[in-house]
Amino acid sequence: MNVSKLPFGQCRLAIASSPNLNQHEFKVVATTFTNITRQYFNEQRQDVELIHLHGSVELAPILGLADAIVDIVQTGTTLKENNLVEYSTIMNIQARLIANKQSFYIKDEAIYRFIKEIGVI
C-alpha cells in the first residue's frame, strides 16, 4: 500500500554516455532497470541490446561493455566523476513510504506518528 511520498529522494531515471556520442548511435545499453529501459527504447523506435548489470553501472561505458547506461541520477556527480553526460530523462522518481495493508490497519497510529515525525503531514 502506497502511504505517502517522502520529502526526500527526488531522482530521475536517465540515459548517460560519453559526451562524444549521439543518442541514436547507442547500440548496447547497460542497466539494472531492463524492463523500463526496453520500453523506453521501443517507444523511441531505437533497436538496442540491453545488458543487465548490478552495482556500478556507470563503469560499463568505461570498460567498453556498453555505449550507454540507464541509471538512477540524483545530482549527476557520479556521472561527472566517470566522464559521462546525461542525454535524457526517462522518468522522474520519488521515494515513497510503503506499508503492508494489514500492518497499515493494525499499526496505523505508529505509522501516522512516523510520517508526522519525518514531516510528511
PDB file of N, CA and C in Angstrom:
ATOM      1  N   MET A   1       0.848  -1.169   0.000  1.00  0.00           N
ATOM      2  CA  MET A   1       0.000   0.000   0.000  1.00  0.00           C
ATOM      3  C   MET A   1       0.896   1.235   0.000  1.00  0.00           C
ATOM      4  N   ASN A   2       0.714   2.105  -0.973  1.00  0.00           N
ATOM      5  CA  ASN A   2       1.475   3.331  -1.090  1.00  0.00           C
ATOM      6  C   ASN A   2       0.899   4.346  -0.101  1.00  0.00           C
ATOM      7  N   VAL A   3       1.630   4.637   0.964  1.00  0.00           N
ATOM      8  CA  VAL A   3       1.129   5.511   2.013  1.00  0.00           C
ATOM      9  C   VAL A   3       1.334   6.978   1.672  1.00  0.00           C
ATOM     10  N   SER A   4       2.570   7.339   1.266  1.00  0.00           N
ATOM     11  CA  SER A   4       2.844   8.759   1.028  1.00  0.00           C
ATOM     12  C   SER A   4       4.157   8.949   0.288  1.00  0.00           C
ATOM     13  N   LYS A   5       4.261  10.063  -0.435  1.00  0.00           N
ATOM     14  CA  LYS A   5       5.557  10.490  -0.960  1.00  0.00           C
ATOM     15  C   LYS A   5       6.381  10.970   0.224  1.00  0.00           C
ATOM     16  N   LEU A   6       7.679  10.792   0.148  1.00  0.00           N
ATOM     17  CA  LEU A   6       8.572  11.248   1.203  1.00  0.00           C
ATOM     18  C   LEU A   6       9.208  12.578   0.808  1.00  0.00           C
ATOM     19  N   PRO A   7       9.579  13.403   1.790  1.00  0.00           N
ATOM     20  CA  PRO A   7      10.124  14.729   1.480  1.00  0.00           C
ATOM     21  C   PRO A   7      11.600  14.703   1.067  1.00  0.00           C
ATOM     22  N   PHE A   8      12.077  13.588   0.595  1.00  0.00           N
ATOM     23  CA  PHE A   8      13.452  13.439   0.122  1.00  0.00           C
ATOM     24  C   PHE A   8      13.456  12.350  -0.941  1.00  0.00           C
ATOM     25  N   GLY A   9      14.574  12.159  -1.585  1.00  0.00           N
ATOM     26  CA  GLY A   9      14.696  11.073  -2.551  1.00  0.00           C
ATOM     27  C   GLY A   9      14.189  11.412  -3.942  1.00  0.00           C
ATOM     28  N   GLN A  10      14.203  12.700  -4.309  1.00  0.00           N
ATOM     29  CA  GLN A  10      13.820  13.063  -5.669  1.00  0.00           C
ATOM     30  C   GLN A  10      14.985  12.720  -6.597  1.00  0.00           C
ATOM     31  N   CYS A  11      14.721  11.855  -7.556  1.00  0.00           N
ATOM     32  CA  CYS A  11      15.735  11.397  -8.504  1.00  0.00           C
ATOM     33  C   CYS A  11      15.104  11.291  -9.880  1.00  0.00           C
ATOM     34  N   ARG A  12      15.891  10.783 -10.812  1.00  0.00           N
ATOM     35  CA  ARG A  12      15.368  10.522 -12.145  1.00  0.00           C
ATOM     36  C   ARG A  12      16.078   9.308 -12.721  1.00  0.00           C
ATOM     37  N   LEU A  13      15.395   8.601 -13.582  1.00  0.00           N
ATOM     38  CA  LEU A  13      15.989   7.505 -14.328  1.00  0.00           C
ATOM     39  C   LEU A  13      16.448   8.116 -15.641  1.00  0.00           C
ATOM     40  N   ALA A  14      17.758   8.083 -15.877  1.00  0.00           N
ATOM     41  CA  ALA A  14      18.314   8.826 -17.003  1.00  0.00           C
ATOM     42  C   ALA A  14      19.244   7.969 -17.855  1.00  0.00           C
ATOM     43  N   ILE A  15      19.395   8.411 -19.092  1.00  0.00           N
ATOM     44  CA  ILE A  15      20.336   7.798 -20.029  1.00  0.00           C
ATOM     45  C   ILE A  15      21.601   8.636 -20.008  1.00  0.00           C
ATOM     46  N   ALA A  16      22.740   7.975 -19.869  1.00  0.00           N
ATOM     47  CA  ALA A  16      24.018   8.687 -19.852  1.00  0.00           C
ATOM     48  C   ALA A  16      25.040   7.931 -20.682  1.00  0.00           C
ATOM     49  N   SER A  17      26.010   8.685 -21.194  1.00  0.00           N
ATOM     50  CA  SER A  17      27.059   8.082 -22.010  1.00  0.00           C
ATOM     51  C   SER A  17      28.228   9.049 -22.108  1.00  0.00           C
ATOM     52  N   SER A  18      29.212   8.664 -22.889  1.00  0.00           N
ATOM     53  CA  SER A  18      30.335   9.555 -23.178  1.00  0.00           C
ATOM     54  C   SER A  18      29.831  10.773 -23.926  1.00  0.00           C
ATOM     55  N   PRO A  19      30.466  11.915 -23.743  1.00  0.00           N
ATOM     56  CA  PRO A  19      29.980  13.139 -24.389  1.00  0.00           C
ATOM     57  C   PRO A  19      30.146  13.161 -25.910  1.00  0.00           C
ATOM     58  N   ASN A  20      30.912  12.238 -26.467  1.00  0.00           N
ATOM     59  CA  ASN A  20      31.182  12.269 -27.909  1.00  0.00           C
ATOM     60  C   ASN A  20      30.245  11.407 -28.740  1.00  0.00           C
ATOM     61  N   LEU A  21      29.182  10.857 -28.135  1.00  0.00           N
ATOM     62  CA  LEU A  21      28.232  10.029 -28.877  1.00  0.00           C
ATOM     63  C   LEU A  21      26.902  10.741 -29.042  1.00  0.00           C
ATOM     64  N   ASN A  22      26.178  10.345 -30.074  1.00  0.00           N
ATOM     65  CA  ASN A  22      24.814  10.805 -30.285  1.00  0.00           C
ATOM     66  C   ASN A  22      23.896   9.713 -29.756  1.00  0.00           C
ATOM     67  N   GLN A  23      22.786  10.082 -29.135  1.00  0.00           N
ATOM     68  CA  GLN A  23      21.899   9.075 -28.530  1.00  0.00           C
ATOM     69  C   GLN A  23      21.423   8.041 -29.544  1.00  0.00           C
ATOM     70  N   HIS A  24      21.313   8.410 -30.806  1.00  0.00           N
ATOM     71  CA  HIS A  24      20.857   7.471 -31.830  1.00  0.00           C
ATOM     72  C   HIS A  24      21.952   6.482 -32.228  1.00  0.00           C
ATOM     73  N   GLU A  25      23.179   6.699 -31.731  1.00  0.00           N
ATOM     74  CA  GLU A  25      24.283   5.786 -32.001  1.00  0.00           C
ATOM     75  C   GLU A  25      24.377   4.665 -30.969  1.00  0.00           C
ATOM     76  N   PHE A  26      23.596   4.738 -29.892  1.00  0.00           N
ATOM     77  CA  PHE A  26      23.658   3.725 -28.841  1.00  0.00           C
ATOM     78  C   PHE A  26      23.182   2.387 -29.395  1.00  0.00           C
ATOM     79  N   LYS A  27      24.031   1.386 -29.287  1.00  0.00           N
ATOM     80  CA  LYS A  27      23.678   0.027 -29.725  1.00  0.00           C
ATOM     81  C   LYS A  27      23.564  -0.920 -28.544  1.00  0.00           C
ATOM     82  N   VAL A  28      24.383  -0.692 -27.506  1.00  0.00           N
ATOM     83  CA  VAL A  28      24.382  -1.532 -26.315  1.00  0.00           C
ATOM     84  C   VAL A  28      24.216  -0.625 -25.103  1.00  0.00           C
ATOM     85  N   VAL A  29      23.220  -0.944 -24.273  1.00  0.00           N
ATOM     86  CA  VAL A  29      22.912  -0.132 -23.096  1.00  0.00           C
ATOM     87  C   VAL A  29      22.928  -1.026 -21.860  1.00  0.00           C
ATOM     88  N   ALA A  30      23.651  -0.611 -20.829  1.00  0.00           N
ATOM     89  CA  ALA A  30      23.721  -1.361 -19.573  1.00  0.00           C
ATOM     90  C   ALA A  30      22.798  -0.711 -18.542  1.00  0.00           C
ATOM     91  N   THR A  31      22.092  -1.543 -17.785  1.00  0.00           N
ATOM     92  CA  THR A  31      21.169  -1.031 -16.778  1.00  0.00           C
ATOM     93  C   THR A  31      20.768  -2.125 -15.802  1.00  0.00           C
ATOM     94  N   THR A  32      20.270  -1.701 -14.662  1.00  0.00           N
ATOM     95  CA  THR A  32      19.622  -2.611 -13.726  1.00  0.00           C
ATOM     96  C   THR A  32      18.135  -2.680 -14.043  1.00  0.00           C
ATOM     97  N   PHE A  33      17.637  -1.664 -14.733  1.00  0.00           N
ATOM     98  CA  PHE A  33      16.202  -1.487 -14.978  1.00  0.00           C
ATOM     99  C   PHE A  33      15.845  -1.866 -16.414  1.00  0.00           C
ATOM    100  N   THR A  34      15.960  -3.153 -16.717  1.00  0.00           N
ATOM    101  CA  THR A  34      15.829  -3.598 -18.103  1.00  0.00           C
ATOM    102  C   THR A  34      14.418  -3.421 -18.666  1.00  0.00           C
ATOM    103  N   ASN A  35      13.376  -3.673 -17.887  1.00  0.00           N
ATOM    104  CA  ASN A  35      12.015  -3.565 -18.423  1.00  0.00           C
ATOM    105  C   ASN A  35      11.675  -2.131 -18.811  1.00  0.00           C
ATOM    106  N   ILE A  36      11.945  -1.192 -17.937  1.00  0.00           N
ATOM    107  CA  ILE A  36      11.661   0.221 -18.222  1.00  0.00           C
ATOM    108  C   ILE A  36      12.520   0.703 -19.383  1.00  0.00           C
ATOM    109  N   THR A  37      13.788   0.292 -19.393  1.00  0.00           N
ATOM    110  CA  THR A  37      14.705   0.704 -20.461  1.00  0.00           C
ATOM    111  C   THR A  37      14.259   0.151 -21.806  1.00  0.00           C
ATOM    112  N   ARG A  38      13.868  -1.121 -21.829  1.00  0.00           N
ATOM    113  CA  ARG A  38      13.397  -1.731 -23.084  1.00  0.00           C
ATOM    114  C   ARG A  38      12.156  -0.988 -23.598  1.00  0.00           C
ATOM    115  N   GLN A  39      11.225  -0.705 -22.695  1.00  0.00           N
ATOM    116  CA  GLN A  39      10.008   0.020 -23.072  1.00  0.00           C
ATOM    117  C   GLN A  39      10.344   1.397 -23.651  1.00  0.00           C
ATOM    118  N   TYR A  40      11.264   2.110 -23.007  1.00  0.00           N
ATOM    119  CA  TYR A  40      11.649   3.441 -23.480  1.00  0.00           C
ATOM    120  C   TYR A  40      12.235   3.378 -24.896  1.00  0.00           C
ATOM    121  N   PHE A  41      13.207   2.500 -25.102  1.00  0.00           N
ATOM    122  CA  PHE A  41      13.845   2.438 -26.422  1.00  0.00           C
ATOM    123  C   PHE A  41      12.884   1.900 -27.485  1.00  0.00           C
ATOM    124  N   ASN A  42      11.968   1.020 -27.116  1.00  0.00           N
ATOM    125  CA  ASN A  42      10.945   0.579 -28.071  1.00  0.00           C
ATOM    126  C   ASN A  42      10.064   1.747 -28.488  1.00  0.00           C
ATOM    127  N   GLU A  43       9.672   2.582 -27.523  1.00  0.00           N
ATOM    128  CA  GLU A  43       8.856   3.767 -27.838  1.00  0.00           C
ATOM    129  C   GLU A  43       9.618   4.749 -28.726  1.00  0.00           C
ATOM    130  N   GLN A  44      10.940   4.791 -28.563  1.00  0.00           N
ATOM    131  CA  GLN A  44      11.780   5.667 -29.390  1.00  0.00           C
ATOM    132  C   GLN A  44      12.093   5.036 -30.751  1.00  0.00           C
ATOM    133  N   ARG A  45      11.641   3.795 -30.933  1.00  0.00           N
ATOM    134  CA  ARG A  45      11.923   3.015 -32.143  1.00  0.00           C
ATOM    135  C   ARG A  45      13.429   2.903 -32.394  1.00  0.00           C
ATOM    136  N   GLN A  46      14.143   2.671 -31.289  1.00  0.00           N
ATOM    137  CA  GLN A  46      15.591   2.521 -31.363  1.00  0.00           C
ATOM    138  C   GLN A  46      15.951   1.111 -30.906  1.00  0.00           C
ATOM    139  N   ASP A  47      16.577   0.358 -31.788  1.00  0.00           N
ATOM    140  CA  ASP A  47      16.945  -1.022 -31.503  1.00  0.00           C
ATOM    141  C   ASP A  47      18.258  -1.041 -30.736  1.00  0.00           C
ATOM    142  N   VAL A  48      18.207  -1.450 -29.469  1.00  0.00           N
ATOM    143  CA  VAL A  48      19.410  -1.554 -28.651  1.00  0.00           C
ATOM    144  C   VAL A  48      19.455  -2.923 -27.981  1.00  0.00           C
ATOM    145  N   GLU A  49      20.667  -3.371 -27.714  1.00  0.00           N
ATOM    146  CA  GLU A  49      20.873  -4.585 -26.920  1.00  0.00           C
ATOM    147  C   GLU A  49      21.024  -4.140 -25.473  1.00  0.00           C
ATOM    148  N   LEU A  50      20.333  -4.814 -24.559  1.00  0.00           N
ATOM    149  CA  LEU A  50      20.423  -4.464 -23.147  1.00  0.00           C
ATOM    150  C   LEU A  50      21.301  -5.458 -22.406  1.00  0.00           C
ATOM    151  N   ILE A  51      22.135  -4.928 -21.523  1.00  0.00           N
ATOM    152  CA  ILE A  51      22.949  -5.742 -20.637  1.00  0.00           C
ATOM    153  C   ILE A  51      22.463  -5.465 -19.225  1.00  0.00           C
ATOM    154  N   HIS A  52      22.062  -6.507 -18.515  1.00  0.00           N
ATOM    155  CA  HIS A  52      21.574  -6.349 -17.142  1.00  0.00           C
ATOM    156  C   HIS A  52      22.765  -6.385 -16.193  1.00  0.00           C
ATOM    157  N   LEU A  53      22.988  -5.271 -15.472  1.00  0.00           N
ATOM    158  CA  LEU A  53      24.084  -5.184 -14.512  1.00  0.00           C
ATOM    159  C   LEU A  53      23.562  -4.734 -13.162  1.00  0.00           C
ATOM    160  N   HIS A  54      24.285  -5.081 -12.121  1.00  0.00           N
ATOM    161  CA  HIS A  54      24.011  -4.600 -10.772  1.00  0.00           C
ATOM    162  C   HIS A  54      25.231  -3.808 -10.314  1.00  0.00           C
ATOM    163  N   GLY A  55      25.025  -2.878  -9.425  1.00  0.00           N
ATOM    164  CA  GLY A  55      26.161  -2.162  -8.848  1.00  0.00           C
ATOM    165  C   GLY A  55      26.550  -0.952  -9.660  1.00  0.00           C
ATOM    166  N   SER A  56      27.824  -0.790  -9.905  1.00  0.00           N
ATOM    167  CA  SER A  56      28.371   0.403 -10.551  1.00  0.00           C
ATOM    168  C   SER A  56      28.166   0.360 -12.058  1.00  0.00           C
ATOM    169  N   VAL A  57      26.945   0.592 -12.470  1.00  0.00           N
ATOM    170  CA  VAL A  57      26.570   0.538 -13.887  1.00  0.00           C
ATOM    171  C   VAL A  57      27.362   1.555 -14.706  1.00  0.00           C
ATOM    172  N   GLU A  58      27.715   2.684 -14.081  1.00  0.00           N
ATOM    173  CA  GLU A  58      28.418   3.740 -14.806  1.00  0.00           C
ATOM    174  C   GLU A  58      29.794   3.321 -15.302  1.00  0.00           C
ATOM    175  N   LEU A  59      30.296   2.183 -14.853  1.00  0.00           N
ATOM    176  CA  LEU A  59      31.589   1.692 -15.349  1.00  0.00           C
ATOM    177  C   LEU A  59      31.482   0.987 -16.699  1.00  0.00           C
ATOM    178  N   ALA A  60      30.285   0.600 -17.095  1.00  0.00           N
ATOM    179  CA  ALA A  60      30.107  -0.158 -18.348  1.00  0.00           C
ATOM    180  C   ALA A  60      30.670   0.560 -19.576  1.00  0.00           C
ATOM    181  N   PRO A  61      30.395   1.860 -19.795  1.00  0.00           N
ATOM    182  CA  PRO A  61      30.997   2.517 -20.967  1.00  0.00           C
ATOM    183  C   PRO A  61      32.518   2.643 -20.852  1.00  0.00           C
ATOM    184  N   ILE A  62      33.021   2.853 -19.651  1.00  0.00           N
ATOM    185  CA  ILE A  62      34.468   2.990 -19.441  1.00  0.00           C
ATOM    186  C   ILE A  62      35.184   1.682 -19.777  1.00  0.00           C
ATOM    187  N   LEU A  63      34.554   0.562 -19.415  1.00  0.00           N
ATOM    188  CA  LEU A  63      35.148  -0.752 -19.665  1.00  0.00           C
ATOM    189  C   LEU A  63      34.857  -1.284 -21.065  1.00  0.00           C
ATOM    190  N   GLY A  64      34.100  -0.538 -21.859  1.00  0.00           N
ATOM    191  CA  GLY A  64      33.773  -0.954 -23.212  1.00  0.00           C
ATOM    192  C   GLY A  64      32.671  -1.994 -23.281  1.00  0.00           C
ATOM    193  N   LEU A  65      31.915  -2.179 -22.192  1.00  0.00           N
ATOM    194  CA  LEU A  65      30.820  -3.151 -22.189  1.00  0.00           C
ATOM    195  C   LEU A  65      29.564  -2.617 -22.862  1.00  0.00           C
ATOM    196  N   ALA A  66      29.396  -1.290 -22.837  1.00  0.00           N
ATOM    197  CA  ALA A  66      28.171  -0.685 -23.371  1.00  0.00           C
ATOM    198  C   ALA A  66      28.472   0.712 -23.891  1.00  0.00           C
ATOM    199  N   ASP A  67      27.604   1.174 -24.804  1.00  0.00           N
ATOM    200  CA  ASP A  67      27.713   2.540 -25.321  1.00  0.00           C
ATOM    201  C   ASP A  67      27.130   3.545 -24.338  1.00  0.00           C
ATOM    202  N   ALA A  68      26.129   3.091 -23.577  1.00  0.00           N
ATOM    203  CA  ALA A  68      25.414   3.995 -22.681  1.00  0.00           C
ATOM    204  C   ALA A  68      24.887   3.214 -21.485  1.00  0.00           C
ATOM    205  N   ILE A  69      24.379   3.962 -20.511  1.00  0.00           N
ATOM    206  CA  ILE A  69      23.758   3.349 -19.343  1.00  0.00           C
ATOM    207  C   ILE A  69      22.409   3.998 -19.085  1.00  0.00           C
ATOM    208  N   VAL A  70      21.556   3.295 -18.369  1.00  0.00           N
ATOM    209  CA  VAL A  70      20.339   3.864 -17.815  1.00  0.00           C
ATOM    210  C   VAL A  70      20.422   3.590 -16.320  1.00  0.00           C
ATOM    211  N   ASP A  71      20.405   4.668 -15.523  1.00  0.00           N
ATOM    212  CA  ASP A  71      20.579   4.513 -14.089  1.00  0.00           C
ATOM    213  C   ASP A  71      19.849   5.625 -13.349  1.00  0.00           C
ATOM    214  N   ILE A  72      19.734   5.460 -12.049  1.00  0.00           N
ATOM    215  CA  ILE A  72      19.123   6.492 -11.207  1.00  0.00           C
ATOM    216  C   ILE A  72      20.142   7.595 -10.979  1.00  0.00           C
ATOM    217  N   VAL A  73      19.710   8.830 -11.194  1.00  0.00           N
ATOM    218  CA  VAL A  73      20.570  10.002 -11.032  1.00  0.00           C
ATOM    219  C   VAL A  73      19.892  10.970 -10.075  1.00  0.00           C
ATOM    220  N   GLN A  74      20.660  11.444  -9.102  1.00  0.00           N
ATOM    221  CA  GLN A  74      20.120  12.477  -8.225  1.00  0.00           C
ATOM    222  C   GLN A  74      20.813  13.803  -8.508  1.00  0.00           C
ATOM    223  N   THR A  75      22.124  13.858  -8.332  1.00  0.00           N
ATOM    224  CA  THR A  75      22.850  15.114  -8.553  1.00  0.00           C
ATOM    225  C   THR A  75      23.673  15.094  -9.840  1.00  0.00           C
ATOM    226  N   GLY A  76      24.025  13.927 -10.319  1.00  0.00           N
ATOM    227  CA  GLY A  76      24.865  13.810 -11.506  1.00  0.00           C
ATOM    228  C   GLY A  76      26.345  13.749 -11.191  1.00  0.00           C
ATOM    229  N   THR A  77      26.700  13.799  -9.912  1.00  0.00           N
ATOM    230  CA  THR A  77      28.112  13.790  -9.519  1.00  0.00           C
ATOM    231  C   THR A  77      28.826  12.523  -9.969  1.00  0.00           C
ATOM    232  N   THR A  78      28.197  11.366  -9.781  1.00  0.00           N
ATOM    233  CA  THR A  78      28.823  10.095 -10.171  1.00  0.00           C
ATOM    234  C   THR A  78      29.033  10.038 -11.675  1.00  0.00           C
ATOM    235  N   LEU A  79      28.076  10.579 -12.434  1.00  0.00           N
ATOM    236  CA  LEU A  79      28.250  10.623 -13.891  1.00  0.00           C
ATOM    237  C   LEU A  79      29.473  11.463 -14.251  1.00  0.00           C
ATOM    238  N   LYS A  80      29.575  12.650 -13.668  1.00  0.00           N
ATOM    239  CA  LYS A  80      30.712  13.542 -13.953  1.00  0.00           C
ATOM    240  C   LYS A  80      32.034  12.909 -13.567  1.00  0.00           C
ATOM    241  N   GLU A  81      32.057  12.220 -12.410  1.00  0.00           N
ATOM    242  CA  GLU A  81      33.284  11.559 -11.963  1.00  0.00           C
ATOM    243  C   GLU A  81      33.743  10.474 -12.931  1.00  0.00           C
ATOM    244  N   ASN A  82      32.813   9.927 -13.696  1.00  0.00           N
ATOM    245  CA  ASN A  82      33.132   8.879 -14.670  1.00  0.00           C
ATOM    246  C   ASN A  82      33.113   9.391 -16.106  1.00  0.00           C
ATOM    247  N   ASN A  83      33.199  10.714 -16.274  1.00  0.00           N
ATOM    248  CA  ASN A  83      33.233  11.360 -17.595  1.00  0.00           C
ATOM    249  C   ASN A  83      32.040  10.991 -18.465  1.00  0.00           C
ATOM    250  N   LEU A  84      30.860  10.924 -17.844  1.00  0.00           N
ATOM    251  CA  LEU A  84      29.624  10.654 -18.569  1.00  0.00           C
ATOM    252  C   LEU A  84      28.734  11.882 -18.519  1.00  0.00           C
ATOM    253  N   VAL A  85      27.899  12.037 -19.537  1.00  0.00           N
ATOM    254  CA  VAL A  85      26.930  13.129 -19.553  1.00  0.00           C
ATOM    255  C   VAL A  85      25.530  12.534 -19.670  1.00  0.00           C
ATOM    256  N   GLU A  86      24.593  13.257 -19.116  1.00  0.00           N
ATOM    257  CA  GLU A  86      23.202  12.822 -19.158  1.00  0.00           C
ATOM    258  C   GLU A  86      22.597  13.250 -20.489  1.00  0.00           C
ATOM    259  N   TYR A  87      22.026  12.290 -21.218  1.00  0.00           N
ATOM    260  CA  TYR A  87      21.424  12.576 -22.511  1.00  0.00           C
ATOM    261  C   TYR A  87      19.938  12.890 -22.398  1.00  0.00           C
ATOM    262  N   SER A  88      19.219  12.103 -21.619  1.00  0.00           N
ATOM    263  CA  SER A  88      17.790  12.376 -21.456  1.00  0.00           C
ATOM    264  C   SER A  88      17.261  11.670 -20.213  1.00  0.00           C
ATOM    265  N   THR A  89      16.127  12.166 -19.752  1.00  0.00           N
ATOM    266  CA  THR A  89      15.456  11.593 -18.593  1.00  0.00           C
ATOM    267  C   THR A  89      14.331  10.689 -19.073  1.00  0.00           C
ATOM    268  N   ILE A  90      14.308   9.469 -18.583  1.00  0.00           N
ATOM    269  CA  ILE A  90      13.227   8.545 -18.912  1.00  0.00           C
ATOM    270  C   ILE A  90      12.018   8.836 -18.037  1.00  0.00           C
ATOM    271  N   MET A  91      12.267   9.030 -16.731  1.00  0.00           N
ATOM    272  CA  MET A  91      11.174   9.355 -15.815  1.00  0.00           C
ATOM    273  C   MET A  91      11.732   9.936 -14.526  1.00  0.00           C
ATOM    274  N   ASN A  92      10.910  10.719 -13.864  1.00  0.00           N
ATOM    275  CA  ASN A  92      11.253  11.224 -12.545  1.00  0.00           C
ATOM    276  C   ASN A  92      10.844  10.177 -11.518  1.00  0.00           C
ATOM    277  N   ILE A  93      11.618  10.107 -10.433  1.00  0.00           N
ATOM    278  CA  ILE A  93      11.398   9.112  -9.394  1.00  0.00           C
ATOM    279  C   ILE A  93      11.314   9.829  -8.054  1.00  0.00           C
ATOM    280  N   GLN A  94      10.440   9.352  -7.203  1.00  0.00           N
ATOM    281  CA  GLN A  94      10.243   9.934  -5.879  1.00  0.00           C
ATOM    282  C   GLN A  94      10.201   8.812  -4.842  1.00  0.00           C
ATOM    283  N   ALA A  95      10.967   8.953  -3.756  1.00  0.00           N
ATOM    284  CA  ALA A  95      10.902   7.970  -2.668  1.00  0.00           C
ATOM    285  C   ALA A  95       9.511   8.005  -2.050  1.00  0.00           C
ATOM    286  N   ARG A  96       9.006   6.828  -1.704  1.00  0.00           N
ATOM    287  CA  ARG A  96       7.662   6.723  -1.127  1.00  0.00           C
ATOM    288  C   ARG A  96       7.689   5.787   0.076  1.00  0.00           C
ATOM    289  N   LEU A  97       6.795   6.052   1.010  1.00  0.00           N
ATOM    290  CA  LEU A  97       6.597   5.168   2.145  1.00  0.00           C
ATOM    291  C   LEU A  97       5.550   4.141   1.745  1.00  0.00           C
ATOM    292  N   ILE A  98       5.909   2.883   1.886  1.00  0.00           N
ATOM    293  CA  ILE A  98       5.018   1.790   1.507  1.00  0.00           C
ATOM    294  C   ILE A  98       4.776   0.930   2.742  1.00  0.00           C
ATOM    295  N   ALA A  99       3.544   0.477   2.906  1.00  0.00           N
ATOM    296  CA  ALA A  99       3.205  -0.379   4.042  1.00  0.00           C
ATOM    297  C   ALA A  99       2.349  -1.540   3.573  1.00  0.00           C
ATOM    298  N   ASN A 100       2.517  -2.656   4.219  1.00  0.00           N
ATOM    299  CA  ASN A 100       1.654  -3.804   4.021  1.00  0.00           C
ATOM    300  C   ASN A 100       0.248  -3.405   4.476  1.00  0.00           C
ATOM    301  N   LYS A 101      -0.797  -3.752   3.707  1.00  0.00           N
ATOM    302  CA  LYS A 101      -2.171  -3.333   4.043  1.00  0.00           C
ATOM    303  C   LYS A 101      -2.572  -3.742   5.461  1.00  0.00           C
ATOM    304  N   GLN A 102      -2.291  -4.970   5.820  1.00  0.00           N
ATOM    305  CA  GLN A 102      -2.668  -5.436   7.145  1.00  0.00           C
ATOM    306  C   GLN A 102      -1.924  -4.656   8.230  1.00  0.00           C
ATOM    307  N   SER A 103      -0.626  -4.443   8.042  1.00  0.00           N
ATOM    308  CA  SER A 103       0.151  -3.673   9.016  1.00  0.00           C
ATOM    309  C   SER A 103      -0.335  -2.238   9.101  1.00  0.00           C
ATOM    310  N   PHE A 104      -0.727  -1.677   7.971  1.00  0.00           N
ATOM    311  CA  PHE A 104      -1.204  -0.301   7.960  1.00  0.00           C
ATOM    312  C   PHE A 104      -2.426  -0.139   8.860  1.00  0.00           C
ATOM    313  N   TYR A 105      -3.329  -1.109   8.812  1.00  0.00           N
ATOM    314  CA  TYR A 105      -4.533  -1.010   9.636  1.00  0.00           C
ATOM    315  C   TYR A 105      -4.276  -1.391  11.095  1.00  0.00           C
ATOM    316  N   ILE A 106      -3.368  -2.333  11.337  1.00  0.00           N
ATOM    317  CA  ILE A 106      -3.076  -2.754  12.701  1.00  0.00           C
ATOM    318  C   ILE A 106      -2.181  -1.733  13.424  1.00  0.00           C
ATOM    319  N   LYS A 107      -1.234  -1.159  12.688  1.00  0.00           N
ATOM    320  CA  LYS A 107      -0.246  -0.250  13.292  1.00  0.00           C
ATOM    321  C   LYS A 107      -0.413   1.178  12.783  1.00  0.00           C
ATOM    322  N   ASP A 108      -1.635   1.583  12.504  1.00  0.00           N
ATOM    323  CA  ASP A 108      -1.874   2.892  11.913  1.00  0.00           C
ATOM    324  C   ASP A 108      -1.368   4.039  12.782  1.00  0.00           C
ATOM    325  N   GLU A 109      -1.508   3.938  14.102  1.00  0.00           N
ATOM    326  CA  GLU A 109      -1.037   5.017  14.978  1.00  0.00           C
ATOM    327  C   GLU A 109       0.477   5.190  14.868  1.00  0.00           C
ATOM    328  N   ALA A 110       1.209   4.098  14.872  1.00  0.00           N
ATOM    329  CA  ALA A 110       2.668   4.167  14.764  1.00  0.00           C
ATOM    330  C   ALA A 110       3.084   4.702  13.396  1.00  0.00           C
ATOM    331  N   ILE A 111       2.383   4.301  12.369  1.00  0.00           N
ATOM    332  CA  ILE A 111       2.711   4.783  11.016  1.00  0.00           C
ATOM    333  C   ILE A 111       2.435   6.276  10.912  1.00  0.00           C
ATOM    334  N   TYR A 112       1.306   6.738  11.403  1.00  0.00           N
ATOM    335  CA  TYR A 112       0.999   8.175  11.356  1.00  0.00           C
ATOM    336  C   TYR A 112       1.979   8.978  12.205  1.00  0.00           C
ATOM    337  N   ARG A 113       2.387   8.436  13.348  1.00  0.00           N
ATOM    338  CA  ARG A 113       3.376   9.119  14.186  1.00  0.00           C
ATOM    339  C   ARG A 113       4.698   9.240  13.422  1.00  0.00           C
ATOM    340  N   PHE A 114       5.101   8.159  12.728  1.00  0.00           N
ATOM    341  CA  PHE A 114       6.328   8.174  11.949  1.00  0.00           C
ATOM    342  C   PHE A 114       6.270   9.202  10.820  1.00  0.00           C
ATOM    343  N   ILE A 115       5.196   9.208  10.036  1.00  0.00           N
ATOM    344  CA  ILE A 115       5.140  10.143   8.911  1.00  0.00           C
ATOM    345  C   ILE A 115       5.026  11.585   9.393  1.00  0.00           C
ATOM    346  N   LYS A 116       4.481  11.795  10.564  1.00  0.00           N
ATOM    347  CA  LYS A 116       4.447  13.149  11.143  1.00  0.00           C
ATOM    348  C   LYS A 116       5.863  13.563  11.576  1.00  0.00           C
ATOM    349  N   GLU A 117       6.626  12.631  12.163  1.00  0.00           N
ATOM    350  CA  GLU A 117       7.997  12.905  12.595  1.00  0.00           C
ATOM    351  C   GLU A 117       8.911  13.261  11.439  1.00  0.00           C
ATOM    352  N   ILE A 118       8.696  12.644  10.293  1.00  0.00           N
ATOM    353  CA  ILE A 118       9.577  12.933   9.142  1.00  0.00           C
ATOM    354  C   ILE A 118       9.061  14.086   8.293  1.00  0.00           C
ATOM    355  N   GLY A 119       7.955  14.689   8.739  1.00  0.00           N
ATOM    356  CA  GLY A 119       7.472  15.904   8.075  1.00  0.00           C
ATOM    357  C   GLY A 119       6.597  15.714   6.859  1.00  0.00           C
ATOM    358  N   VAL A 120       5.998  14.539   6.727  1.00  0.00           N
ATOM    359  CA  VAL A 120       5.120  14.309   5.586  1.00  0.00           C
ATOM    360  C   VAL A 120       3.763  14.954   5.820  1.00  0.00           C
ATOM    361  N   ILE A 121       3.256  14.904   7.053  1.00  0.00           N
ATOM    362  CA  ILE A 121       1.986  15.555   7.394  1.00  0.00           C
ATOM    363  C   ILE A 121       2.176  16.498   8.565  1.00  0.00           C
TER     364      ILE A 121
END
